Amino acid sequence: MTPLLELEGLTRTFGSFTALHGITLSLPPGRVGLLGPNGAGKSTLLKILMGLIPPTSGRGRVFDQELGGDRDSAGNWRLRRLIGFMPEADALVPGLTGVEYVTLAGELYGMPRREAQRRAHEVLSFLELEEARYRRVEEYSAGMKQRVKLAQAIVHDPPVLLLDEPTSGLDPAGRDAMLRLVQALGADHGKSVILSTHLLADVEAVCERVVIVAGGRVRRVGTVAELCGRRDDHYRVRVDGDPAGFRDDLLTEGVQLLGEVGPGEWRVSVPRGWTNLAFFKLAEVNGVTVRSLTRDDETLEELFLRTVSS
């Protein structure tokens, strides 16, 4: 299988500032979360992949095309036909209708005008913007603007989508709708997606793999299951009844309470040699019932915080 992405020693400087430090990375096709705090270098990396800016040093490939690459017979960069880019900024052209804007994007990707017009209507319908396609883009709501930006990214039917903060500025309903669209494009339409964001919940909702970037360096790569540590000494326990005595006995037995999740429910860390049966024995002594007991493995948020602070 051809890798989605192969980078070797990729570096980008802006004067004395180094935005990317020798990034070496290989990823299979699929849905990838590019996760990092603001200023981590995520947007710079996406712009290099798109060919909008060159790397200062290093090299890379997207599928079978070199970064920078060559041109086809019509003079268009071959790599740009493989990639659809949804920028974080609005990047809209005032005065154009939705269908005109998406058609223009198709032409910029190298499509003939007639084909670009046909595809513009198709993708706007797919993204539920059919009724708004003849309205000017500056009149769109925040959610509609995000969807029309996604429309211009997929108008040429690329195998790879680079999405930079696609839920930025959306309310909860609009965010959920956008994430469902991205999930469908990957799972149902076979697109590989690189989703750049600082929102962990977006990555958890959509992505199969995670790349954590901080300070212009790749800190972790893998699936969430591979990266998040399995913790056999951490549990979530919930009891019905008056929990005061049960809680006090847990503390007496050396159990640490890491946080209260809700009434009668805690995240706990147990001492060496502890068995699950001890929870039930203490519950019986205190007249409460254990309703749930699950292992509390490291979350993506905990992994992220541990990674960027190291």
C-alpha atoms as a PDB file:
ATOM      1  CA  MET A   1       0.000   0.000   0.000  1.00  0.00           C
ATOM      2  CA  THR A   2       1.378   3.405  -0.985  1.00  0.00           C
ATOM      3  CA  PRO A   3       1.898   5.540   2.147  1.00  0.00           C
ATOM      4  CA  LEU A   4      -0.301   8.580   2.528  1.00  0.00           C
ATOM      5  CA  LEU A   5       2.638  10.648   3.669  1.00  0.00           C
ATOM      6  CA  GLU A   6       6.406  10.230   3.850  1.00  0.00           C
ATOM      7  CA  LEU A   7       8.527  13.057   5.226  1.00  0.00           C
ATOM      8  CA  GLU A   8      12.262  13.052   5.854  1.00  0.00           C
ATOM      9  CA  GLY A   9      14.066  15.820   7.745  1.00  0.00           C
ATOM     10  CA  LEU A  10      11.481  18.451   6.840  1.00  0.00           C
ATOM     11  CA  THR A  11      12.506  21.861   8.182  1.00  0.00           C
ATOM     12  CA  ARG A  12      11.039  25.308   7.682  1.00  0.00           C
ATOM     13  CA  THR A  13      12.509  28.563   8.974  1.00  0.00           C
ATOM     14  CA  PHE A  14      11.225  32.120   8.821  1.00  0.00           C
ATOM     15  CA  GLY A  15      14.272  34.303   9.361  1.00  0.00           C
ATOM     16  CA  SER A  16      15.714  33.328  12.726  1.00  0.00           C
ATOM     17  CA  PHE A  17      12.561  31.433  13.747  1.00  0.00           C
ATOM     18  CA  THR A  18      12.323  27.691  13.060  1.00  0.00           C
ATOM     19  CA  ALA A  19       8.697  26.615  12.639  1.00  0.00           C
ATOM     20  CA  LEU A  20       9.448  22.960  11.813  1.00  0.00           C
ATOM     21  CA  HIS A  21      12.486  21.041  13.106  1.00  0.00           C
ATOM     22  CA  GLY A  22      13.553  18.122  10.889  1.00  0.00           C
ATOM     23  CA  ILE A  23      10.229  16.286  10.796  1.00  0.00           C
ATOM     24  CA  THR A  24      10.486  12.636   9.750  1.00  0.00           C
ATOM     25  CA  LEU A  25       7.144  10.874   9.460  1.00  0.00           C
ATOM     26  CA  SER A  26       5.421   8.027   7.598  1.00  0.00           C
ATOM     27  CA  LEU A  27       1.652   7.518   7.635  1.00  0.00           C
ATOM     28  CA  PRO A  28      -0.634   4.964   5.969  1.00  0.00           C
ATOM     29  CA  PRO A  29      -3.837   6.072   4.206  1.00  0.00           C
ATOM     30  CA  GLY A  30      -6.752   6.840   6.518  1.00  0.00           C
ATOM     31  CA  ARG A  31      -8.013   9.558   8.842  1.00  0.00           C
ATOM     32  CA  VAL A  32      -5.216  11.246  10.778  1.00  0.00           C
ATOM     33  CA  GLY A  33      -5.485  13.850  13.510  1.00  0.00           C
ATOM     34  CA  LEU A  34      -2.692  16.429  13.446  1.00  0.00           C
ATOM     35  CA  LEU A  35      -2.942  17.545  17.039  1.00  0.00           C
ATOM     36  CA  GLY A  36      -1.060  20.332  18.735  1.00  0.00           C
ATOM     37  CA  PRO A  37      -1.361  23.634  20.585  1.00  0.00           C
ATOM     38  CA  ASN A  38      -1.568  26.925  18.731  1.00  0.00           C
ATOM     39  CA  GLY A  39       1.831  27.765  17.250  1.00  0.00           C
ATOM     40  CA  ALA A  40       2.958  24.126  17.126  1.00  0.00           C
ATOM     41  CA  GLY A  41       3.681  24.252  13.374  1.00  0.00           C
ATOM     42  CA  LYS A  42       0.555  22.462  12.126  1.00  0.00           C
ATOM     43  CA  SER A  43      -0.531  25.108   9.609  1.00  0.00           C
ATOM     44  CA  THR A  44       3.032  25.497   8.315  1.00  0.00           C
ATOM     45  CA  LEU A  45       3.198  21.758   7.668  1.00  0.00           C
ATOM     46  CA  LEU A  46      -0.116  21.791   5.799  1.00  0.00           C
ATOM     47  CA  LYS A  47       1.033  24.690   3.615  1.00  0.00           C
ATOM     48  CA  ILE A  48       4.193  22.787   2.711  1.00  0.00           C
ATOM     49  CA  LEU A  49       2.167  19.701   1.803  1.00  0.00           C
ATOM     50  CA  MET A  50      -0.019  21.852  -0.437  1.00  0.00           C
ATOM     51  CA  GLY A  51       2.978  23.469  -2.103  1.00  0.00           C
ATOM     52  CA  LEU A  52       1.988  26.938  -0.888  1.00  0.00           C
ATOM     53  CA  ILE A  53       5.395  27.369   0.731  1.00  0.00           C
ATOM     54  CA  PRO A  54       8.585  25.332   0.187  1.00  0.00           C
ATOM     55  CA  PRO A  55      10.488  23.576   2.977  1.00  0.00           C
ATOM     56  CA  THR A  56      13.815  25.139   3.896  1.00  0.00           C
ATOM     57  CA  SER A  57      15.326  21.643   3.839  1.00  0.00           C
ATOM     58  CA  GLY A  58      14.234  18.033   3.757  1.00  0.00           C
ATOM     59  CA  ARG A  59      11.956  16.197   1.384  1.00  0.00           C
ATOM     60  CA  GLY A  60       8.677  14.338   1.291  1.00  0.00           C
ATOM     61  CA  ARG A  61       5.960  12.649  -0.716  1.00  0.00           C
ATOM     62  CA  VAL A  62       2.169  12.619  -0.645  1.00  0.00           C
ATOM     63  CA  PHE A  63       1.105   9.260  -2.096  1.00  0.00           C
ATOM     64  CA  ASP A  64       3.428   8.973  -5.106  1.00  0.00           C
ATOM     65  CA  GLN A  65       4.125  12.678  -5.660  1.00  0.00           C
ATOM     66  CA  GLU A  66       7.168  14.569  -4.433  1.00  0.00           C
ATOM     67  CA  LEU A  67       6.561  17.788  -2.493  1.00  0.00           C
ATOM     68  CA  GLY A  68       6.873  20.600  -4.988  1.00  0.00           C
ATOM     69  CA  GLY A  69       6.585  17.933  -7.668  1.00  0.00           C
ATOM     70  CA  ASP A  70       6.253  18.515 -11.377  1.00  0.00           C
ATOM     71  CA  ARG A  71       3.549  19.825 -13.671  1.00  0.00           C
ATOM     72  CA  ASP A  72       1.180  18.034 -16.021  1.00  0.00           C
ATOM     73  CA  SER A  73       0.750  18.846 -19.701  1.00  0.00           C
ATOM     74  CA  ALA A  74      -1.618  21.721 -18.847  1.00  0.00           C
ATOM     75  CA  GLY A  75       0.969  23.291 -16.536  1.00  0.00           C
ATOM     76  CA  ASN A  76      -0.798  22.383 -13.264  1.00  0.00           C
ATOM     77  CA  TRP A  77       1.063  21.009 -10.254  1.00  0.00           C
ATOM     78  CA  ARG A  78       0.318  17.282 -10.137  1.00  0.00           C
ATOM     79  CA  LEU A  79       0.339  17.228  -6.326  1.00  0.00           C
ATOM     80  CA  ARG A  80      -2.498  19.740  -6.122  1.00  0.00           C
ATOM     81  CA  ARG A  81      -4.788  17.397  -8.041  1.00  0.00           C
ATOM     82  CA  LEU A  82      -4.306  14.875  -5.217  1.00  0.00           C
ATOM     83  CA  ILE A  83      -5.104  17.280  -2.381  1.00  0.00           C
ATOM     84  CA  GLY A  84      -8.115  19.276  -1.246  1.00  0.00           C
ATOM     85  CA  PHE A  85      -7.241  22.031   1.216  1.00  0.00           C
ATOM     86  CA  MET A  86      -9.702  23.635   3.637  1.00  0.00           C
ATOM     87  CA  PRO A  87      -7.947  26.587   5.321  1.00  0.00           C
ATOM     88  CA  GLU A  88      -8.716  27.866   8.796  1.00  0.00           C
ATOM     89  CA  ALA A  89      -9.248  31.422   7.532  1.00  0.00           C
ATOM     90  CA  ASP A  90     -12.445  32.194   5.609  1.00  0.00           C
ATOM     91  CA  ALA A  91     -10.568  32.546   2.280  1.00  0.00           C
ATOM     92  CA  LEU A  92     -13.852  33.462   0.601  1.00  0.00           C
ATOM     93  CA  VAL A  93     -14.174  35.802  -2.388  1.00  0.00           C
ATOM     94  CA  PRO A  94     -16.783  38.506  -1.704  1.00  0.00           C
ATOM     95  CA  GLY A  95     -19.256  39.041  -4.518  1.00  0.00           C
ATOM     96  CA  LEU A  96     -19.212  35.427  -5.697  1.00  0.00           C
ATOM     97  CA  THR A  97     -22.122  33.104  -5.161  1.00  0.00           C
ATOM     98  CA  GLY A  98     -21.516  29.730  -3.585  1.00  0.00           C
ATOM     99  CA  VAL A  99     -21.547  27.919  -6.907  1.00  0.00           C
ATOM    100  CA  GLU A 100     -19.254  30.507  -8.516  1.00  0.00           C
ATOM    101  CA  TYR A 101     -16.797  30.224  -5.636  1.00  0.00           C
ATOM    102  CA  VAL A 102     -16.645  26.433  -5.768  1.00  0.00           C
ATOM    103  CA  THR A 103     -16.395  26.488  -9.579  1.00  0.00           C
ATOM    104  CA  LEU A 104     -13.447  28.882  -9.332  1.00  0.00           C
ATOM    105  CA  ALA A 105     -11.757  26.527  -6.868  1.00  0.00           C
ATOM    106  CA  GLY A 106     -12.222  23.643  -9.308  1.00  0.00           C
ATOM    107  CA  GLU A 107     -10.586  25.632 -12.092  1.00  0.00           C
ATOM    108  CA  LEU A 108      -7.682  26.546  -9.810  1.00  0.00           C
ATOM    109  CA  TYR A 109      -7.212  22.839  -9.119  1.00  0.00           C
ATOM    110  CA  GLY A 110      -6.892  22.353 -12.902  1.00  0.00           C
ATOM    111  CA  MET A 111     -10.409  21.277 -13.913  1.00  0.00           C
ATOM    112  CA  PRO A 112     -12.028  22.442 -17.187  1.00  0.00           C
ATOM    113  CA  ARG A 113     -14.654  25.109 -16.465  1.00  0.00           C
ATOM    114  CA  ARG A 114     -17.666  23.054 -17.564  1.00  0.00           C
ATOM    115  CA  GLU A 115     -16.588  20.100 -15.403  1.00  0.00           C
ATOM    116  CA  ALA A 116     -15.883  22.429 -12.471  1.00  0.00           C
ATOM    117  CA  GLN A 117     -19.402  23.908 -12.740  1.00  0.00           C
ATOM    118  CA  ARG A 118     -21.017  20.469 -12.806  1.00  0.00           C
ATOM    119  CA  ARG A 119     -19.033  19.269  -9.811  1.00  0.00           C
ATOM    120  CA  ALA A 120     -19.739  22.498  -7.907  1.00  0.00           C
ATOM    121  CA  HIS A 121     -23.466  21.817  -8.080  1.00  0.00           C
ATOM    122  CA  GLU A 122     -22.938  18.188  -7.014  1.00  0.00           C
ATOM    123  CA  VAL A 123     -20.825  18.917  -3.949  1.00  0.00           C
ATOM    124  CA  LEU A 124     -23.023  21.805  -2.804  1.00  0.00           C
ATOM    125  CA  SER A 125     -26.000  19.465  -2.909  1.00  0.00           C
ATOM    126  CA  PHE A 126     -24.044  16.796  -1.020  1.00  0.00           C
ATOM    127  CA  LEU A 127     -23.196  19.355   1.687  1.00  0.00           C
ATOM    128  CA  GLU A 128     -26.820  20.549   1.901  1.00  0.00           C
ATOM    129  CA  LEU A 129     -26.088  23.977   0.405  1.00  0.00           C
ATOM    130  CA  GLU A 130     -28.234  23.487  -2.687  1.00  0.00           C
ATOM    131  CA  GLU A 131     -30.742  26.170  -1.653  1.00  0.00           C
ATOM    132  CA  ALA A 132     -27.951  28.674  -0.923  1.00  0.00           C
ATOM    133  CA  ARG A 133     -25.764  28.066  -3.974  1.00  0.00           C
ATOM    134  CA  TYR A 134     -26.857  31.308  -5.717  1.00  0.00           C
ATOM    135  CA  ARG A 135     -26.416  33.479  -2.621  1.00  0.00           C
ATOM    136  CA  ARG A 136     -23.235  35.486  -2.168  1.00  0.00           C
ATOM    137  CA  VAL A 137     -20.783  33.778   0.144  1.00  0.00           C
ATOM    138  CA  GLU A 138     -20.401  36.830   2.392  1.00  0.00           C
ATOM    139  CA  GLU A 139     -24.097  36.429   3.285  1.00  0.00           C
ATOM    140  CA  TYR A 140     -23.582  32.875   4.573  1.00  0.00           C
ATOM    141  CA  SER A 141     -23.783  31.944   8.244  1.00  0.00           C
ATOM    142  CA  ALA A 142     -20.668  30.637  10.015  1.00  0.00           C
ATOM    143  CA  GLY A 143     -21.753  27.029   9.462  1.00  0.00           C
ATOM    144  CA  MET A 144     -22.495  27.618   5.777  1.00  0.00           C
ATOM    145  CA  LYS A 145     -19.114  29.299   5.285  1.00  0.00           C
ATOM    146  CA  GLN A 146     -17.355  26.260   6.737  1.00  0.00           C
ATOM    147  CA  ARG A 147     -19.327  23.928   4.473  1.00  0.00           C
ATOM    148  CA  VAL A 148     -18.645  25.952   1.331  1.00  0.00           C
ATOM    149  CA  LYS A 149     -14.946  25.881   2.246  1.00  0.00           C
ATOM    150  CA  LEU A 150     -15.228  22.099   2.479  1.00  0.00           C
ATOM    151  CA  ALA A 151     -17.039  22.098  -0.872  1.00  0.00           C
ATOM    152  CA  GLN A 152     -14.157  23.857  -2.615  1.00  0.00           C
ATOM    153  CA  ALA A 153     -11.755  21.330  -1.083  1.00  0.00           C
ATOM    154  CA  ILE A 154     -13.590  18.309  -2.521  1.00  0.00           C
ATOM    155  CA  VAL A 155     -14.817  19.743  -5.836  1.00  0.00           C
ATOM    156  CA  HIS A 156     -12.043  17.982  -7.814  1.00  0.00           C
ATOM    157  CA  ASP A 157     -12.592  14.667  -5.967  1.00  0.00           C
ATOM    158  CA  PRO A 158      -9.096  14.435  -4.446  1.00  0.00           C
ATOM    159  CA  PRO A 159      -7.942  11.329  -2.560  1.00  0.00           C
ATOM    160  CA  VAL A 160      -6.424  13.474   0.238  1.00  0.00           C
ATOM    161  CA  LEU A 161      -8.091  16.201   2.308  1.00  0.00           C
ATOM    162  CA  LEU A 162      -6.104  18.641   4.443  1.00  0.00           C
ATOM    163  CA  LEU A 163      -8.520  20.275   6.875  1.00  0.00           C
ATOM    164  CA  ASP A 164      -7.227  23.109   9.046  1.00  0.00           C
ATOM    165  CA  GLU A 165      -9.488  23.627  12.102  1.00  0.00           C
ATOM    166  CA  PRO A 166     -12.702  22.718  10.202  1.00  0.00           C
ATOM    167  CA  THR A 167     -14.970  23.290  13.242  1.00  0.00           C
ATOM    168  CA  SER A 168     -13.567  26.738  14.050  1.00  0.00           C
ATOM    169  CA  GLY A 169     -16.307  29.191  15.028  1.00  0.00           C
ATOM    170  CA  LEU A 170     -19.138  26.648  14.909  1.00  0.00           C
ATOM    171  CA  ASP A 171     -21.798  26.124  17.554  1.00  0.00           C
ATOM    172  CA  PRO A 172     -22.210  22.584  18.983  1.00  0.00           C
ATOM    173  CA  ALA A 173     -24.790  21.551  16.376  1.00  0.00           C
ATOM    174  CA  GLY A 174     -22.706  22.908  13.494  1.00  0.00           C
ATOM    175  CA  ARG A 175     -19.588  21.257  14.888  1.00  0.00           C
ATOM    176  CA  ASP A 176     -21.293  17.869  15.111  1.00  0.00           C
ATOM    177  CA  ALA A 177     -22.610  18.235  11.546  1.00  0.00           C
ATOM    178  CA  MET A 178     -19.142  19.088  10.211  1.00  0.00           C
ATOM    179  CA  LEU A 179     -17.526  16.148  11.993  1.00  0.00           C
ATOM    180  CA  ARG A 180     -20.171  13.783  10.589  1.00  0.00           C
ATOM    181  CA  LEU A 181     -19.386  15.050   7.077  1.00  0.00           C
ATOM    182  CA  VAL A 182     -15.648  14.536   7.567  1.00  0.00           C
ATOM    183  CA  GLN A 183     -16.255  11.059   9.001  1.00  0.00           C
ATOM    184  CA  ALA A 184     -18.445  10.166   6.006  1.00  0.00           C
ATOM    185  CA  LEU A 185     -15.891  11.438   3.502  1.00  0.00           C
ATOM    186  CA  GLY A 186     -13.300   9.146   5.051  1.00  0.00           C
ATOM    187  CA  ALA A 187     -15.327   6.067   5.945  1.00  0.00           C
ATOM    188  CA  ASP A 188     -17.859   6.046   3.092  1.00  0.00           C
ATOM    189  CA  HIS A 189     -16.037   7.803   0.254  1.00  0.00           C
ATOM    190  CA  GLY A 190     -12.509   6.505   0.797  1.00  0.00           C
ATOM    191  CA  LYS A 191     -10.793   9.847   1.395  1.00  0.00           C
ATOM    192  CA  SER A 192      -7.645  10.094   3.426  1.00  0.00           C
ATOM    193  CA  VAL A 193      -7.982  13.006   5.841  1.00  0.00           C
ATOM    194  CA  ILE A 194      -5.397  14.992   7.749  1.00  0.00           C
ATOM    195  CA  LEU A 195      -7.381  16.939  10.328  1.00  0.00           C
ATOM    196  CA  SER A 196      -5.345  19.710  11.930  1.00  0.00           C
ATOM    197  CA  THR A 197      -6.770  20.957  15.213  1.00  0.00           C
ATOM    198  CA  HIS A 198      -6.123  21.748  18.855  1.00  0.00           C
ATOM    199  CA  LEU A 199      -9.504  20.233  19.809  1.00  0.00           C
ATOM    200  CA  LEU A 200      -9.021  16.708  21.119  1.00  0.00           C
ATOM    201  CA  ALA A 201     -12.709  15.841  20.845  1.00  0.00           C
ATOM    202  CA  ASP A 202     -12.616  16.469  17.073  1.00  0.00           C
ATOM    203  CA  VAL A 203      -9.753  13.997  16.695  1.00  0.00           C
ATOM    204  CA  GLU A 204     -11.491  11.391  18.873  1.00  0.00           C
ATOM    205  CA  ALA A 205     -14.694  11.726  16.823  1.00  0.00           C
ATOM    206  CA  VAL A 206     -13.109  11.313  13.384  1.00  0.00           C
ATOM    207  CA  CYS A 207      -9.561  10.004  13.355  1.00  0.00           C
ATOM    208  CA  GLU A 208      -7.972   6.561  13.341  1.00  0.00           C
ATOM    209  CA  ARG A 209      -4.429   7.766  14.024  1.00  0.00           C
ATOM    210  CA  VAL A 210      -2.910  10.720  15.856  1.00  0.00           C
ATOM    211  CA  VAL A 211       0.206  12.807  15.236  1.00  0.00           C
ATOM    212  CA  ILE A 212       1.006  15.102  18.170  1.00  0.00           C
ATOM    213  CA  VAL A 213       3.107  18.135  17.229  1.00  0.00           C
ATOM    214  CA  ALA A 214       4.598  20.621  19.678  1.00  0.00           C
ATOM    215  CA  GLY A 215       7.305  23.211  19.197  1.00  0.00           C
ATOM    216  CA  GLY A 216       7.660  22.317  15.534  1.00  0.00           C
ATOM    217  CA  ARG A 217       8.518  18.685  16.318  1.00  0.00           C
ATOM    218  CA  VAL A 218       6.586  15.426  16.078  1.00  0.00           C
ATOM    219  CA  ARG A 219       6.263  14.089  19.623  1.00  0.00           C
ATOM    220  CA  ARG A 220       3.970  11.044  19.209  1.00  0.00           C
ATOM    221  CA  VAL A 221       2.554   9.020  16.296  1.00  0.00           C
ATOM    222  CA  GLY A 222       0.133   6.095  16.392  1.00  0.00           C
ATOM    223  CA  THR A 223      -3.413   5.028  17.115  1.00  0.00           C
ATOM    224  CA  VAL A 224      -5.053   6.261  20.293  1.00  0.00           C
ATOM    225  CA  ALA A 225      -4.985   2.707  21.663  1.00  0.00           C
ATOM    226  CA  GLU A 226      -1.247   2.438  20.953  1.00  0.00           C
ATOM    227  CA  LEU A 227      -0.384   5.803  22.475  1.00  0.00           C
ATOM    228  CA  CYS A 228      -2.629   5.977  25.526  1.00  0.00           C
ATOM    229  CA  GLY A 229      -1.160   3.959  28.351  1.00  0.00           C
ATOM    230  CA  ARG A 230      -3.002   0.972  29.831  1.00  0.00           C
ATOM    231  CA  ARG A 231      -3.282   1.532  33.581  1.00  0.00           C
ATOM    232  CA  ASP A 232      -4.109  -1.518  35.651  1.00  0.00           C
ATOM    233  CA  ASP A 233      -4.053   0.508  38.885  1.00  0.00           C
ATOM    234  CA  HIS A 234      -6.599   3.156  37.807  1.00  0.00           C
ATOM    235  CA  TYR A 235     -10.368   2.618  37.987  1.00  0.00           C
ATOM    236  CA  ARG A 236     -13.692   4.371  37.831  1.00  0.00           C
ATOM    237  CA  VAL A 237     -16.082   3.171  40.508  1.00  0.00           C
ATOM    238  CA  ARG A 238     -19.722   4.176  41.043  1.00  0.00           C
ATOM    239  CA  VAL A 239     -21.907   3.169  43.982  1.00  0.00           C
ATOM    240  CA  ASP A 240     -25.564   3.608  44.923  1.00  0.00           C
ATOM    241  CA  GLY A 241     -26.396   4.620  48.490  1.00  0.00           C
ATOM    242  CA  ASP A 242     -24.698   6.931  50.976  1.00  0.00           C
ATOM    243  CA  PRO A 243     -21.081   6.941  49.711  1.00  0.00           C
ATOM    244  CA  ALA A 244     -19.412   8.694  52.682  1.00  0.00           C
ATOM    245  CA  GLY A 245     -18.360   5.579  54.602  1.00  0.00           C
ATOM    246  CA  PHE A 246     -17.315   3.727  51.455  1.00  0.00           C
ATOM    247  CA  ARG A 247     -15.142   6.657  50.400  1.00  0.00           C
ATOM    248  CA  ASP A 248     -13.531   6.957  53.830  1.00  0.00           C
ATOM    249  CA  ASP A 249     -12.736   3.220  53.903  1.00  0.00           C
ATOM    250  CA  LEU A 250     -11.144   3.449  50.441  1.00  0.00           C
ATOM    251  CA  LEU A 251      -8.829   6.154  51.747  1.00  0.00           C
ATOM    252  CA  THR A 252      -8.023   4.086  54.856  1.00  0.00           C
ATOM    253  CA  GLU A 253      -7.025   1.143  52.613  1.00  0.00           C
ATOM    254  CA  GLY A 254      -4.566   3.320  50.681  1.00  0.00           C
ATOM    255  CA  VAL A 255      -6.734   4.079  47.642  1.00  0.00           C
ATOM    256  CA  GLN A 256      -6.170   7.574  46.191  1.00  0.00           C
ATOM    257  CA  LEU A 257      -9.206   9.541  44.998  1.00  0.00           C
ATOM    258  CA  LEU A 258      -8.137  11.260  41.763  1.00  0.00           C
ATOM    259  CA  GLY A 259     -11.402  13.058  41.121  1.00  0.00           C
ATOM    260  CA  GLU A 260     -15.148  12.948  41.602  1.00  0.00           C
ATOM    261  CA  VAL A 261     -16.948  12.216  38.343  1.00  0.00           C
ATOM    262  CA  GLY A 262     -20.437  12.560  39.816  1.00  0.00           C
ATOM    263  CA  PRO A 263     -22.415  11.721  42.972  1.00  0.00           C
ATOM    264  CA  GLY A 264     -21.003   8.467  44.328  1.00  0.00           C
ATOM    265  CA  GLU A 265     -18.575   8.069  41.413  1.00  0.00           C
ATOM    266  CA  TRP A 266     -14.788   8.551  41.526  1.00  0.00           C
ATOM    267  CA  ARG A 267     -11.626   8.048  39.540  1.00  0.00           C
ATOM    268  CA  VAL A 268      -9.236   6.194  41.833  1.00  0.00           C
ATOM    269  CA  SER A 269      -5.723   4.798  41.960  1.00  0.00           C
ATOM    270  CA  VAL A 270      -5.330   1.577  43.960  1.00  0.00           C
ATOM    271  CA  PRO A 271      -2.242   0.342  45.871  1.00  0.00           C
ATOM    272  CA  ARG A 272      -0.096  -2.602  44.833  1.00  0.00           C
ATOM    273  CA  GLY A 273      -1.753  -5.955  45.491  1.00  0.00           C
ATOM    274  CA  TRP A 274      -5.282  -4.543  45.359  1.00  0.00           C
ATOM    275  CA  THR A 275      -7.987  -6.788  43.898  1.00  0.00           C
ATOM    276  CA  ASN A 276     -11.351  -5.791  42.445  1.00  0.00           C
ATOM    277  CA  LEU A 277     -13.065  -7.945  45.075  1.00  0.00           C
ATOM    278  CA  ALA A 278     -11.953  -5.406  47.702  1.00  0.00           C
ATOM    279  CA  PHE A 279     -14.286  -2.785  46.201  1.00  0.00           C
ATOM    280  CA  PHE A 280     -17.255  -5.086  46.670  1.00  0.00           C
ATOM    281  CA  LYS A 281     -16.277  -6.073  50.211  1.00  0.00           C
ATOM    282  CA  LEU A 282     -15.997  -2.430  51.295  1.00  0.00           C
ATOM    283  CA  ALA A 283     -19.305  -1.653  49.577  1.00  0.00           C
ATOM    284  CA  GLU A 284     -21.036  -4.477  51.484  1.00  0.00           C
ATOM    285  CA  VAL A 285     -19.626  -3.301  54.811  1.00  0.00           C
ATOM    286  CA  ASN A 286     -20.911   0.225  54.163  1.00  0.00           C
ATOM    287  CA  GLY A 287     -24.342  -0.774  52.855  1.00  0.00           C
ATOM    288  CA  VAL A 288     -23.842   0.519  49.289  1.00  0.00           C
ATOM    289  CA  THR A 289     -24.012  -1.237  45.925  1.00  0.00           C
ATOM    290  CA  VAL A 290     -21.267  -1.097  43.283  1.00  0.00           C
ATOM    291  CA  ARG A 291     -23.062  -0.174  40.052  1.00  0.00           C
ATOM    292  CA  SER A 292     -20.049   0.134  37.775  1.00  0.00           C
ATOM    293  CA  LEU A 293     -16.353  -0.637  37.952  1.00  0.00           C
ATOM    294  CA  THR A 294     -14.172  -0.002  34.888  1.00  0.00           C
ATOM    295  CA  ARG A 295     -10.460   0.371  34.282  1.00  0.00           C
ATOM    296  CA  ASP A 296      -9.516   4.031  33.786  1.00  0.00           C
ATOM    297  CA  ASP A 297      -6.866   4.013  31.064  1.00  0.00           C
ATOM    298  CA  GLU A 298      -5.081   7.193  30.037  1.00  0.00           C
ATOM    299  CA  THR A 299      -7.256   9.494  27.930  1.00  0.00           C
ATOM    300  CA  LEU A 300      -6.174  11.314  24.794  1.00  0.00           C
ATOM    301  CA  GLU A 301      -6.320  14.557  26.765  1.00  0.00           C
ATOM    302  CA  GLU A 302      -3.987  13.194  29.423  1.00  0.00           C
ATOM    303  CA  LEU A 303      -1.629  11.871  26.741  1.00  0.00           C
ATOM    304  CA  PHE A 304      -1.640  15.221  24.983  1.00  0.00           C
ATOM    305  CA  LEU A 305      -0.918  17.203  28.133  1.00  0.00           C
ATOM    306  CA  ARG A 306       1.812  14.777  29.158  1.00  0.00           C
ATOM    307  CA  THR A 307       3.384  14.979  25.695  1.00  0.00           C
ATOM    308  CA  VAL A 308       3.395  18.744  25.160  1.00  0.00           C
ATOM    309  CA  SER A 309       4.633  19.451  28.691  1.00  0.00           C
ATOM    310  CA  SER A 310       7.580  17.030  28.480  1.00  0.00           C
END
